Amino acid sequence: SHNPVIARKAVETGLLDVLMFSVNAAYDMQPPTEDCEQLWNP
Protein backbone atom coordinates (compact mmCIF):
# COMPACT_ATOMS: atom_id res chain seq x y z
CA SER A 1 0.00 0.00 0.00
CA HIS A 2 0.91 3.68 -0.37
CA ASN A 3 -1.91 4.97 1.85
CA PRO A 4 -1.16 4.98 5.61
CA VAL A 5 -4.84 5.10 6.61
CA ILE A 6 -5.73 2.00 4.60
CA ALA A 7 -2.49 0.26 5.58
CA ARG A 8 -3.17 0.88 9.25
CA LYS A 9 -6.71 -0.46 8.92
CA ALA A 10 -5.33 -3.62 7.33
CA VAL A 11 -2.72 -4.10 10.06
CA GLU A 12 -5.43 -3.71 12.69
CA THR A 13 -7.24 -6.79 11.31
CA GLY A 14 -4.44 -8.90 12.80
CA LEU A 15 -4.16 -10.88 9.57
CA LEU A 16 -0.97 -9.36 8.19
CA ASP A 17 2.56 -10.46 8.97
CA VAL A 18 4.21 -8.08 6.53
CA LEU A 19 3.36 -4.65 5.11
CA MET A 20 5.07 -3.42 1.97
CA PHE A 21 4.84 0.36 2.23
CA SER A 22 6.31 3.37 0.43
CA VAL A 23 8.76 5.07 2.77
CA ASN A 24 11.25 7.89 2.29
CA ALA A 25 11.90 11.24 3.95
CA ALA A 26 9.84 13.15 1.37
CA TYR A 27 6.76 10.92 1.36
CA ASP A 28 6.76 10.91 5.16
CA MET A 29 5.95 14.65 5.08
CA GLN A 30 2.80 14.10 3.01
CA PRO A 31 -0.78 13.53 4.26
CA PRO A 32 -2.52 10.24 3.40
CA THR A 33 -4.07 9.78 -0.03
CA GLU A 34 -5.20 6.88 -2.18
CA ASP A 35 -3.78 8.71 -5.20
CA CYS A 36 -0.13 7.72 -4.94
CA GLU A 37 0.72 10.02 -7.87
CA GLN A 38 0.29 12.92 -5.45
CA LEU A 39 3.39 11.76 -3.57
CA TRP A 40 5.42 12.90 -6.58
CA ASN A 41 3.57 16.20 -7.08
CA PRO A 42 6.01 19.15 -6.56
PDB file of all heavy atoms in Angstrom:
ATOM      1  N   SER A   1       0.839  -1.201   0.000  1.00  0.00           N
ATOM      2  CA  SER A   1       0.000   0.000   0.000  1.00  0.00           C
ATOM      3  C   SER A   1       0.871   1.246   0.000  1.00  0.00           C
ATOM      4  O   SER A   1       2.032   1.208   0.407  1.00  0.00           O
ATOM      5  CB  SER A   1      -0.919   0.010   1.231  1.00  0.00           C
ATOM      6  OG  SER A   1      -1.751   1.157   1.246  1.00  0.00           O
ATOM      7  N   HIS A   2       0.269   2.365  -0.460  1.00  0.00           N
ATOM      8  CA  HIS A   2       0.915   3.675  -0.369  1.00  0.00           C
ATOM      9  C   HIS A   2       0.148   4.584   0.595  1.00  0.00           C
ATOM     10  O   HIS A   2       0.601   5.699   0.886  1.00  0.00           O
ATOM     11  CB  HIS A   2       0.951   4.370  -1.740  1.00  0.00           C
ATOM     12  CG  HIS A   2       1.615   3.568  -2.819  1.00  0.00           C
ATOM     13  ND1 HIS A   2       0.955   2.577  -3.511  1.00  0.00           N
ATOM     14  CD2 HIS A   2       2.867   3.614  -3.317  1.00  0.00           C
ATOM     15  CE1 HIS A   2       1.772   2.047  -4.406  1.00  0.00           C
ATOM     16  NE2 HIS A   2       2.934   2.645  -4.301  1.00  0.00           N
ATOM     17  N   ASN A   3      -1.011   4.145   1.042  1.00  0.00           N
ATOM     18  CA  ASN A   3      -1.909   4.971   1.845  1.00  0.00           C
ATOM     19  C   ASN A   3      -1.846   4.543   3.319  1.00  0.00           C
ATOM     20  O   ASN A   3      -2.288   3.438   3.653  1.00  0.00           O
ATOM     21  CB  ASN A   3      -3.340   4.830   1.319  1.00  0.00           C
ATOM     22  CG  ASN A   3      -4.323   5.764   2.002  1.00  0.00           C
ATOM     23  OD1 ASN A   3      -4.060   6.277   3.082  1.00  0.00           O
ATOM     24  ND2 ASN A   3      -5.461   5.981   1.376  1.00  0.00           N
ATOM     25  N   PRO A   4      -1.320   5.393   4.207  1.00  0.00           N
ATOM     26  CA  PRO A   4      -1.158   4.982   5.607  1.00  0.00           C
ATOM     27  C   PRO A   4      -2.458   4.699   6.338  1.00  0.00           C
ATOM     28  O   PRO A   4      -2.481   3.876   7.258  1.00  0.00           O
ATOM     29  CB  PRO A   4      -0.416   6.165   6.240  1.00  0.00           C
ATOM     30  CG  PRO A   4      -0.686   7.323   5.341  1.00  0.00           C
ATOM     31  CD  PRO A   4      -0.812   6.762   3.963  1.00  0.00           C
ATOM     32  N   VAL A   5      -3.551   5.339   5.940  1.00  0.00           N
ATOM     33  CA  VAL A   5      -4.835   5.100   6.606  1.00  0.00           C
ATOM     34  C   VAL A   5      -5.335   3.694   6.291  1.00  0.00           C
ATOM     35  O   VAL A   5      -5.745   2.940   7.184  1.00  0.00           O
ATOM     36  CB  VAL A   5      -5.876   6.159   6.178  1.00  0.00           C
ATOM     37  CG1 VAL A   5      -7.257   5.794   6.723  1.00  0.00           C
ATOM     38  CG2 VAL A   5      -5.463   7.541   6.678  1.00  0.00           C
ATOM     39  N   ILE A   6      -5.287   3.331   5.013  1.00  0.00           N
ATOM     40  CA  ILE A   6      -5.729   1.997   4.603  1.00  0.00           C
ATOM     41  C   ILE A   6      -4.775   0.929   5.133  1.00  0.00           C
ATOM     42  O   ILE A   6      -5.193  -0.142   5.600  1.00  0.00           O
ATOM     43  CB  ILE A   6      -5.834   1.921   3.074  1.00  0.00           C
ATOM     44  CG1 ILE A   6      -6.938   2.858   2.572  1.00  0.00           C
ATOM     45  CG2 ILE A   6      -6.079   0.498   2.615  1.00  0.00           C
ATOM     46  CD1 ILE A   6      -8.327   2.551   3.110  1.00  0.00           C
ATOM     47  N   ALA A   7      -3.488   1.218   5.084  1.00  0.00           N
ATOM     48  CA  ALA A   7      -2.493   0.259   5.581  1.00  0.00           C
ATOM     49  C   ALA A   7      -2.705  -0.008   7.067  1.00  0.00           C
ATOM     50  O   ALA A   7      -2.641  -1.164   7.520  1.00  0.00           O
ATOM     51  CB  ALA A   7      -1.086   0.788   5.328  1.00  0.00           C
ATOM     52  N   ARG A   8      -2.957   1.041   7.809  1.00  0.00           N
ATOM     53  CA  ARG A   8      -3.175   0.877   9.254  1.00  0.00           C
ATOM     54  C   ARG A   8      -4.424   0.044   9.528  1.00  0.00           C
ATOM     55  O   ARG A   8      -4.438  -0.832  10.403  1.00  0.00           O
ATOM     56  CB  ARG A   8      -3.300   2.256   9.907  1.00  0.00           C
ATOM     57  CG  ARG A   8      -3.390   2.216  11.417  1.00  0.00           C
ATOM     58  CD  ARG A   8      -3.469   3.616  11.982  1.00  0.00           C
ATOM     59  NE  ARG A   8      -3.591   3.627  13.420  1.00  0.00           N
ATOM     60  CZ  ARG A   8      -3.781   4.711  14.152  1.00  0.00           C
ATOM     61  NH1 ARG A   8      -3.858   5.894  13.564  1.00  0.00           N
ATOM     62  NH2 ARG A   8      -3.889   4.642  15.460  1.00  0.00           N
ATOM     63  N   LYS A   9      -5.465   0.293   8.767  1.00  0.00           N
ATOM     64  CA  LYS A   9      -6.712  -0.464   8.917  1.00  0.00           C
ATOM     65  C   LYS A   9      -6.460  -1.948   8.660  1.00  0.00           C
ATOM     66  O   LYS A   9      -6.985  -2.809   9.374  1.00  0.00           O
ATOM     67  CB  LYS A   9      -7.754   0.089   7.939  1.00  0.00           C
ATOM     68  CG  LYS A   9      -9.163  -0.407   8.167  1.00  0.00           C
ATOM     69  CD  LYS A   9     -10.141   0.325   7.247  1.00  0.00           C
ATOM     70  CE  LYS A   9     -11.571  -0.160   7.479  1.00  0.00           C
ATOM     71  NZ  LYS A   9     -12.530   0.521   6.566  1.00  0.00           N
ATOM     72  N   ALA A  10      -5.642  -2.230   7.659  1.00  0.00           N
ATOM     73  CA  ALA A  10      -5.329  -3.621   7.333  1.00  0.00           C
ATOM     74  C   ALA A  10      -4.509  -4.287   8.438  1.00  0.00           C
ATOM     75  O   ALA A  10      -4.761  -5.437   8.810  1.00  0.00           O
ATOM     76  CB  ALA A  10      -4.578  -3.686   6.007  1.00  0.00           C
ATOM     77  N   VAL A  11      -3.536  -3.563   8.970  1.00  0.00           N
ATOM     78  CA  VAL A  11      -2.716  -4.101  10.061  1.00  0.00           C
ATOM     79  C   VAL A  11      -3.589  -4.403  11.278  1.00  0.00           C
ATOM     80  O   VAL A  11      -3.394  -5.412  11.968  1.00  0.00           O
ATOM     81  CB  VAL A  11      -1.587  -3.117  10.427  1.00  0.00           C
ATOM     82  CG1 VAL A  11      -0.873  -3.566  11.705  1.00  0.00           C
ATOM     83  CG2 VAL A  11      -0.581  -2.999   9.284  1.00  0.00           C
ATOM     84  N   GLU A  12      -4.569  -3.547  11.526  1.00  0.00           N
ATOM     85  CA  GLU A  12      -5.433  -3.709  12.692  1.00  0.00           C
ATOM     86  C   GLU A  12      -6.335  -4.950  12.599  1.00  0.00           C
ATOM     87  O   GLU A  12      -6.897  -5.373  13.608  1.00  0.00           O
ATOM     88  CB  GLU A  12      -6.272  -2.452  12.897  1.00  0.00           C
ATOM     89  CG  GLU A  12      -5.449  -1.277  13.434  1.00  0.00           C
ATOM     90  CD  GLU A  12      -6.226   0.035  13.467  1.00  0.00           C
ATOM     91  OE1 GLU A  12      -7.270   0.124  12.760  1.00  0.00           O
ATOM     92  OE2 GLU A  12      -5.782   0.970  14.163  1.00  0.00           O
ATOM     93  N   THR A  13      -6.459  -5.549  11.415  1.00  0.00           N
ATOM     94  CA  THR A  13      -7.243  -6.786  11.312  1.00  0.00           C
ATOM     95  C   THR A  13      -6.530  -7.946  12.007  1.00  0.00           C
ATOM     96  O   THR A  13      -7.158  -8.958  12.335  1.00  0.00           O
ATOM     97  CB  THR A  13      -7.457  -7.194   9.833  1.00  0.00           C
ATOM     98  OG1 THR A  13      -6.200  -7.533   9.236  1.00  0.00           O
ATOM     99  CG2 THR A  13      -8.135  -6.096   9.053  1.00  0.00           C
ATOM    100  N   GLY A  14      -5.217  -7.823  12.199  1.00  0.00           N
ATOM    101  CA  GLY A  14      -4.444  -8.898  12.805  1.00  0.00           C
ATOM    102  C   GLY A  14      -4.084 -10.012  11.838  1.00  0.00           C
ATOM    103  O   GLY A  14      -3.495 -11.017  12.241  1.00  0.00           O
ATOM    104  N   LEU A  15      -4.410  -9.832  10.559  1.00  0.00           N
ATOM    105  CA  LEU A  15      -4.164 -10.877   9.569  1.00  0.00           C
ATOM    106  C   LEU A  15      -2.799 -10.756   8.897  1.00  0.00           C
ATOM    107  O   LEU A  15      -2.300 -11.728   8.330  1.00  0.00           O
ATOM    108  CB  LEU A  15      -5.257 -10.848   8.494  1.00  0.00           C
ATOM    109  CG  LEU A  15      -6.680 -11.153   8.967  1.00  0.00           C
ATOM    110  CD1 LEU A  15      -7.670 -10.938   7.836  1.00  0.00           C
ATOM    111  CD2 LEU A  15      -6.758 -12.586   9.489  1.00  0.00           C
ATOM    112  N   LEU A  16      -2.205  -9.584   8.933  1.00  0.00           N
ATOM    113  CA  LEU A  16      -0.967  -9.356   8.189  1.00  0.00           C
ATOM    114  C   LEU A  16       0.274  -9.645   9.026  1.00  0.00           C
ATOM    115  O   LEU A  16       0.346  -9.299  10.203  1.00  0.00           O
ATOM    116  CB  LEU A  16      -0.893  -7.908   7.693  1.00  0.00           C
ATOM    117  CG  LEU A  16      -1.977  -7.424   6.728  1.00  0.00           C
ATOM    118  CD1 LEU A  16      -1.654  -6.015   6.238  1.00  0.00           C
ATOM    119  CD2 LEU A  16      -2.163  -8.371   5.559  1.00  0.00           C
ATOM    120  N   ASP A  17       1.233 -10.273   8.382  1.00  0.00           N
ATOM    121  CA  ASP A  17       2.555 -10.464   8.972  1.00  0.00           C
ATOM    122  C   ASP A  17       3.541  -9.436   8.446  1.00  0.00           C
ATOM    123  O   ASP A  17       4.506  -9.079   9.122  1.00  0.00           O
ATOM    124  CB  ASP A  17       3.091 -11.863   8.629  1.00  0.00           C
ATOM    125  CG  ASP A  17       2.135 -12.966   9.037  1.00  0.00           C
ATOM    126  OD1 ASP A  17       1.928 -13.119  10.253  1.00  0.00           O
ATOM    127  OD2 ASP A  17       1.597 -13.664   8.156  1.00  0.00           O
ATOM    128  N   VAL A  18       3.302  -8.981   7.222  1.00  0.00           N
ATOM    129  CA  VAL A  18       4.213  -8.078   6.530  1.00  0.00           C
ATOM    130  C   VAL A  18       3.415  -6.982   5.836  1.00  0.00           C
ATOM    131  O   VAL A  18       2.336  -7.239   5.296  1.00  0.00           O
ATOM    132  CB  VAL A  18       5.049  -8.828   5.465  1.00  0.00           C
ATOM    133  CG1 VAL A  18       6.046  -7.894   4.782  1.00  0.00           C
ATOM    134  CG2 VAL A  18       5.785 -10.006   6.082  1.00  0.00           C
ATOM    135  N   LEU A  19       3.947  -5.762   5.858  1.00  0.00           N
ATOM    136  CA  LEU A  19       3.358  -4.650   5.112  1.00  0.00           C
ATOM    137  C   LEU A  19       4.428  -4.075   4.195  1.00  0.00           C
ATOM    138  O   LEU A  19       5.481  -3.639   4.653  1.00  0.00           O
ATOM    139  CB  LEU A  19       2.858  -3.562   6.064  1.00  0.00           C
ATOM    140  CG  LEU A  19       2.364  -2.272   5.384  1.00  0.00           C
ATOM    141  CD1 LEU A  19       1.063  -2.534   4.623  1.00  0.00           C
ATOM    142  CD2 LEU A  19       2.171  -1.159   6.417  1.00  0.00           C
ATOM    143  N   MET A  20       4.174  -4.113   2.897  1.00  0.00           N
ATOM    144  CA  MET A  20       5.067  -3.425   1.970  1.00  0.00           C
ATOM    145  C   MET A  20       4.519  -2.011   1.803  1.00  0.00           C
ATOM    146  O   MET A  20       3.380  -1.813   1.375  1.00  0.00           O
ATOM    147  CB  MET A  20       5.141  -4.124   0.618  1.00  0.00           C
ATOM    148  CG  MET A  20       6.055  -3.418  -0.367  1.00  0.00           C
ATOM    149  SD  MET A  20       6.090  -4.209  -1.990  1.00  0.00           S
ATOM    150  CE  MET A  20       7.464  -5.309  -1.725  1.00  0.00           C
ATOM    151  N   PHE A  21       5.338  -1.016   2.203  1.00  0.00           N
ATOM    152  CA  PHE A  21       4.840   0.360   2.228  1.00  0.00           C
ATOM    153  C   PHE A  21       5.887   1.302   1.653  1.00  0.00           C
ATOM    154  O   PHE A  21       7.097   1.072   1.776  1.00  0.00           O
ATOM    155  CB  PHE A  21       4.502   0.761   3.677  1.00  0.00           C
ATOM    156  CG  PHE A  21       3.699   2.020   3.773  1.00  0.00           C
ATOM    157  CD1 PHE A  21       2.373   2.045   3.369  1.00  0.00           C
ATOM    158  CD2 PHE A  21       4.264   3.190   4.266  1.00  0.00           C
ATOM    159  CE1 PHE A  21       1.633   3.207   3.449  1.00  0.00           C
ATOM    160  CE2 PHE A  21       3.533   4.354   4.347  1.00  0.00           C
ATOM    161  CZ  PHE A  21       2.207   4.368   3.942  1.00  0.00           C
ATOM    162  N   SER A  22       5.410   2.379   1.032  1.00  0.00           N
ATOM    163  CA  SER A  22       6.307   3.368   0.426  1.00  0.00           C
ATOM    164  C   SER A  22       6.828   4.307   1.502  1.00  0.00           C
ATOM    165  O   SER A  22       6.064   5.031   2.133  1.00  0.00           O
ATOM    166  CB  SER A  22       5.574   4.161  -0.660  1.00  0.00           C
ATOM    167  OG  SER A  22       4.347   4.674  -0.173  1.00  0.00           O
ATOM    168  N   VAL A  23       8.135   4.267   1.720  1.00  0.00           N
ATOM    169  CA  VAL A  23       8.764   5.074   2.772  1.00  0.00           C
ATOM    170  C   VAL A  23       9.983   5.792   2.218  1.00  0.00           C
ATOM    171  O   VAL A  23      10.854   5.184   1.599  1.00  0.00           O
ATOM    172  CB  VAL A  23       9.220   4.190   3.961  1.00  0.00           C
ATOM    173  CG1 VAL A  23       9.853   5.058   5.053  1.00  0.00           C
ATOM    174  CG2 VAL A  23       8.055   3.384   4.530  1.00  0.00           C
ATOM    175  N   ASN A  24      10.026   7.090   2.431  1.00  0.00           N
ATOM    176  CA  ASN A  24      11.248   7.890   2.289  1.00  0.00           C
ATOM    177  C   ASN A  24      10.999   9.214   2.982  1.00  0.00           C
ATOM    178  O   ASN A  24       9.868   9.512   3.377  1.00  0.00           O
ATOM    179  CB  ASN A  24      11.676   8.061   0.815  1.00  0.00           C
ATOM    180  CG  ASN A  24      10.660   8.796  -0.028  1.00  0.00           C
ATOM    181  OD1 ASN A  24      10.260   9.908   0.291  1.00  0.00           O
ATOM    182  ND2 ASN A  24      10.226   8.161  -1.119  1.00  0.00           N
ATOM    183  N   ALA A  25      12.023  10.011   3.158  1.00  0.00           N
ATOM    184  CA  ALA A  25      11.900  11.239   3.948  1.00  0.00           C
ATOM    185  C   ALA A  25      10.908  12.224   3.344  1.00  0.00           C
ATOM    186  O   ALA A  25      10.252  12.971   4.074  1.00  0.00           O
ATOM    187  CB  ALA A  25      13.276  11.894   4.093  1.00  0.00           C
ATOM    188  N   ALA A  26      10.770  12.223   2.020  1.00  0.00           N
ATOM    189  CA  ALA A  26       9.840  13.151   1.375  1.00  0.00           C
ATOM    190  C   ALA A  26       8.390  12.689   1.542  1.00  0.00           C
ATOM    191  O   ALA A  26       7.525  13.461   1.967  1.00  0.00           O
ATOM    192  CB  ALA A  26      10.184  13.287  -0.112  1.00  0.00           C
ATOM    193  N   TYR A  27       8.123  11.430   1.229  1.00  0.00           N
ATOM    194  CA  TYR A  27       6.761  10.923   1.364  1.00  0.00           C
ATOM    195  C   TYR A  27       6.262  11.037   2.789  1.00  0.00           C
ATOM    196  O   TYR A  27       5.074  11.262   3.027  1.00  0.00           O
ATOM    197  CB  TYR A  27       6.688   9.451   0.941  1.00  0.00           C
ATOM    198  CG  TYR A  27       6.898   9.180  -0.528  1.00  0.00           C
ATOM    199  CD1 TYR A  27       7.155  10.204  -1.438  1.00  0.00           C
ATOM    200  CD2 TYR A  27       6.845   7.883  -1.014  1.00  0.00           C
ATOM    201  CE1 TYR A  27       7.358   9.938  -2.777  1.00  0.00           C
ATOM    202  CE2 TYR A  27       7.042   7.608  -2.358  1.00  0.00           C
ATOM    203  CZ  TYR A  27       7.302   8.639  -3.241  1.00  0.00           C
ATOM    204  OH  TYR A  27       7.496   8.356  -4.567  1.00  0.00           O
ATOM    205  N   ASP A  28       7.167  10.874   3.755  1.00  0.00           N
ATOM    206  CA  ASP A  28       6.756  10.914   5.161  1.00  0.00           C
ATOM    207  C   ASP A  28       6.195  12.269   5.562  1.00  0.00           C
ATOM    208  O   ASP A  28       5.526  12.379   6.596  1.00  0.00           O
ATOM    209  CB  ASP A  28       7.940  10.554   6.062  1.00  0.00           C
ATOM    210  CG  ASP A  28       8.039   9.059   6.301  1.00  0.00           C
ATOM    211  OD1 ASP A  28       7.175   8.309   5.798  1.00  0.00           O
ATOM    212  OD2 ASP A  28       8.983   8.626   6.991  1.00  0.00           O
ATOM    213  N   MET A  29       6.460  13.313   4.781  1.00  0.00           N
ATOM    214  CA  MET A  29       5.946  14.646   5.080  1.00  0.00           C
ATOM    215  C   MET A  29       4.532  14.858   4.526  1.00  0.00           C
ATOM    216  O   MET A  29       3.902  15.869   4.805  1.00  0.00           O
ATOM    217  CB  MET A  29       6.858  15.720   4.487  1.00  0.00           C
ATOM    218  CG  MET A  29       8.315  15.597   4.866  1.00  0.00           C
ATOM    219  SD  MET A  29       8.582  15.790   6.635  1.00  0.00           S
ATOM    220  CE  MET A  29      10.344  15.393   6.727  1.00  0.00           C
ATOM    221  N   GLN A  30       4.049  13.898   3.723  1.00  0.00           N
ATOM    222  CA  GLN A  30       2.795  14.097   3.007  1.00  0.00           C
ATOM    223  C   GLN A  30       1.607  13.461   3.709  1.00  0.00           C
ATOM    224  O   GLN A  30       1.723  12.378   4.285  1.00  0.00           O
ATOM    225  CB  GLN A  30       2.915  13.525   1.601  1.00  0.00           C
ATOM    226  CG  GLN A  30       3.927  14.258   0.735  1.00  0.00           C
ATOM    227  CD  GLN A  30       3.613  15.740   0.630  1.00  0.00           C
ATOM    228  OE1 GLN A  30       2.532  16.139   0.206  1.00  0.00           O
ATOM    229  NE2 GLN A  30       4.561  16.558   1.041  1.00  0.00           N
ATOM    230  N   PRO A  31       0.429  14.118   3.651  1.00  0.00           N
ATOM    231  CA  PRO A  31      -0.781  13.532   4.256  1.00  0.00           C
ATOM    232  C   PRO A  31      -1.241  12.327   3.471  1.00  0.00           C
ATOM    233  O   PRO A  31      -0.866  12.143   2.309  1.00  0.00           O
ATOM    234  CB  PRO A  31      -1.799  14.681   4.163  1.00  0.00           C
ATOM    235  CG  PRO A  31      -1.315  15.532   3.032  1.00  0.00           C
ATOM    236  CD  PRO A  31       0.180  15.437   3.055  1.00  0.00           C
ATOM    237  N   PRO A  32      -2.080  11.467   4.074  1.00  0.00           N
ATOM    238  CA  PRO A  32      -2.522  10.243   3.398  1.00  0.00           C
ATOM    239  C   PRO A  32      -3.387  10.533   2.189  1.00  0.00           C
ATOM    240  O   PRO A  32      -4.150  11.503   2.164  1.00  0.00           O
ATOM    241  CB  PRO A  32      -3.313   9.511   4.486  1.00  0.00           C
ATOM    242  CG  PRO A  32      -3.730  10.584   5.441  1.00  0.00           C
ATOM    243  CD  PRO A  32      -2.631  11.592   5.417  1.00  0.00           C
ATOM    244  N   THR A  33      -3.248   9.684   1.171  1.00  0.00           N
ATOM    245  CA  THR A  33      -4.075   9.777  -0.026  1.00  0.00           C
ATOM    246  C   THR A  33      -4.074   8.431  -0.713  1.00  0.00           C
ATOM    247  O   THR A  33      -3.114   7.669  -0.610  1.00  0.00           O
ATOM    248  CB  THR A  33      -3.545  10.849  -0.993  1.00  0.00           C
ATOM    249  OG1 THR A  33      -4.309  10.813  -2.213  1.00  0.00           O
ATOM    250  CG2 THR A  33      -2.080  10.618  -1.335  1.00  0.00           C
ATOM    251  N   GLU A  34      -5.184   8.116  -1.406  1.00  0.00           N
ATOM    252  CA  GLU A  34      -5.201   6.880  -2.184  1.00  0.00           C
ATOM    253  C   GLU A  34      -4.669   7.117  -3.587  1.00  0.00           C
ATOM    254  O   GLU A  34      -4.498   6.171  -4.353  1.00  0.00           O
ATOM    255  CB  GLU A  34      -6.598   6.280  -2.243  1.00  0.00           C
ATOM    256  CG  GLU A  34      -7.638   7.119  -2.928  1.00  0.00           C
ATOM    257  CD  GLU A  34      -9.007   6.449  -2.886  1.00  0.00           C
ATOM    258  OE1 GLU A  34      -9.661   6.476  -1.836  1.00  0.00           O
ATOM    259  OE2 GLU A  34      -9.393   5.879  -3.929  1.00  0.00           O
ATOM    260  N   ASP A  35      -4.387   8.380  -3.914  1.00  0.00           N
ATOM    261  CA  ASP A  35      -3.785   8.714  -5.204  1.00  0.00           C
ATOM    262  C   ASP A  35      -2.276   8.819  -5.015  1.00  0.00           C
ATOM    263  O   ASP A  35      -1.754   9.883  -4.679  1.00  0.00           O
ATOM    264  CB  ASP A  35      -4.357  10.027  -5.735  1.00  0.00           C
ATOM    265  CG  ASP A  35      -3.785  10.417  -7.098  1.00  0.00           C
ATOM    266  OD1 ASP A  35      -3.013   9.608  -7.663  1.00  0.00           O
ATOM    267  OD2 ASP A  35      -4.091  11.525  -7.577  1.00  0.00           O
ATOM    268  N   CYS A  36      -1.560   7.715  -5.234  1.00  0.00           N
ATOM    269  CA  CYS A  36      -0.126   7.716  -4.939  1.00  0.00           C
ATOM    270  C   CYS A  36       0.648   8.653  -5.866  1.00  0.00           C
ATOM    271  O   CYS A  36       1.785   9.026  -5.566  1.00  0.00           O
ATOM    272  CB  CYS A  36       0.443   6.309  -5.007  1.00  0.00           C
ATOM    273  SG  CYS A  36       0.312   5.512  -6.615  1.00  0.00           S
ATOM    274  N   GLU A  37       0.035   9.076  -6.985  1.00  0.00           N
ATOM    275  CA  GLU A  37       0.722  10.018  -7.868  1.00  0.00           C
ATOM    276  C   GLU A  37       0.963  11.359  -7.157  1.00  0.00           C
ATOM    277  O   GLU A  37       1.887  12.090  -7.501  1.00  0.00           O
ATOM    278  CB  GLU A  37      -0.101  10.254  -9.142  1.00  0.00           C
ATOM    279  CG  GLU A  37      -0.216   9.033 -10.047  1.00  0.00           C
ATOM    280  CD  GLU A  37       1.130   8.552 -10.553  1.00  0.00           C
ATOM    281  OE1 GLU A  37       1.984   9.395 -10.879  1.00  0.00           O
ATOM    282  OE2 GLU A  37       1.338   7.324 -10.599  1.00  0.00           O
ATOM    283  N   GLN A  38       0.126  11.663  -6.172  1.00  0.00           N
ATOM    284  CA  GLN A  38       0.287  12.923  -5.446  1.00  0.00           C
ATOM    285  C   GLN A  38       1.577  12.964  -4.628  1.00  0.00           C
ATOM    286  O   GLN A  38       2.065  14.036  -4.275  1.00  0.00           O
ATOM    287  CB  GLN A  38      -0.919  13.160  -4.534  1.00  0.00           C
ATOM    288  CG  GLN A  38      -2.198  13.500  -5.274  1.00  0.00           C
ATOM    289  CD  GLN A  38      -2.054  14.741  -6.138  1.00  0.00           C
ATOM    290  OE1 GLN A  38      -1.569  15.785  -5.681  1.00  0.00           O
ATOM    291  NE2 GLN A  38      -2.465  14.638  -7.382  1.00  0.00           N
ATOM    292  N   LEU A  39       2.143  11.797  -4.318  1.00  0.00           N
ATOM    293  CA  LEU A  39       3.392  11.759  -3.565  1.00  0.00           C
ATOM    294  C   LEU A  39       4.556  12.311  -4.378  1.00  0.00           C
ATOM    295  O   LEU A  39       5.588  12.681  -3.822  1.00  0.00           O
ATOM    296  CB  LEU A  39       3.693  10.316  -3.135  1.00  0.00           C
ATOM    297  CG  LEU A  39       2.698   9.702  -2.151  1.00  0.00           C
ATOM    298  CD1 LEU A  39       2.981   8.222  -1.967  1.00  0.00           C
ATOM    299  CD2 LEU A  39       2.753  10.418  -0.812  1.00  0.00           C
ATOM    300  N   TRP A  40       4.375  12.369  -5.706  1.00  0.00           N
ATOM    301  CA  TRP A  40       5.417  12.901  -6.579  1.00  0.00           C
ATOM    302  C   TRP A  40       5.154  14.363  -6.963  1.00  0.00           C
ATOM    303  O   TRP A  40       5.988  14.991  -7.581  1.00  0.00           O
ATOM    304  CB  TRP A  40       5.494  12.087  -7.873  1.00  0.00           C
ATOM    305  CG  TRP A  40       6.261  10.816  -7.781  1.00  0.00           C
ATOM    306  CD1 TRP A  40       7.584  10.619  -7.993  1.00  0.00           C
ATOM    307  CD2 TRP A  40       5.742   9.540  -7.446  1.00  0.00           C
ATOM    308  NE1 TRP A  40       7.918   9.306  -7.823  1.00  0.00           N
ATOM    309  CE2 TRP A  40       6.814   8.607  -7.488  1.00  0.00           C
ATOM    310  CE3 TRP A  40       4.468   9.059  -7.119  1.00  0.00           C
ATOM    311  CZ2 TRP A  40       6.662   7.251  -7.227  1.00  0.00           C
ATOM    312  CZ3 TRP A  40       4.318   7.714  -6.852  1.00  0.00           C
ATOM    313  CH2 TRP A  40       5.395   6.838  -6.902  1.00  0.00           C
ATOM    314  N   ASN A  41       3.981  14.878  -6.616  1.00  0.00           N
ATOM    315  CA  ASN A  41       3.569  16.204  -7.083  1.00  0.00           C
ATOM    316  C   ASN A  41       4.372  17.318  -6.404  1.00  0.00           C
ATOM    317  O   ASN A  41       4.251  17.524  -5.191  1.00  0.00           O
ATOM    318  CB  ASN A  41       2.074  16.399  -6.804  1.00  0.00           C
ATOM    319  CG  ASN A  41       1.521  17.649  -7.457  1.00  0.00           C
ATOM    320  OD1 ASN A  41       2.275  18.536  -7.877  1.00  0.00           O
ATOM    321  ND2 ASN A  41       0.211  17.734  -7.541  1.00  0.00           N
ATOM    322  N   PRO A  42       5.187  18.080  -7.157  1.00  0.00           N
ATOM    323  CA  PRO A  42       6.010  19.155  -6.562  1.00  0.00           C
ATOM    324  C   PRO A  42       5.193  20.205  -5.815  1.00  0.00           C
ATOM    325  O   PRO A  42       5.688  20.829  -4.876  1.00  0.00           O
ATOM    326  CB  PRO A  42       6.722  19.769  -7.774  1.00  0.00           C
ATOM    327  CG  PRO A  42       6.642  18.740  -8.846  1.00  0.00           C
ATOM    328  CD  PRO A  42       5.375  17.995  -8.606  1.00  0.00           C
TER     329      PRO A  42
END
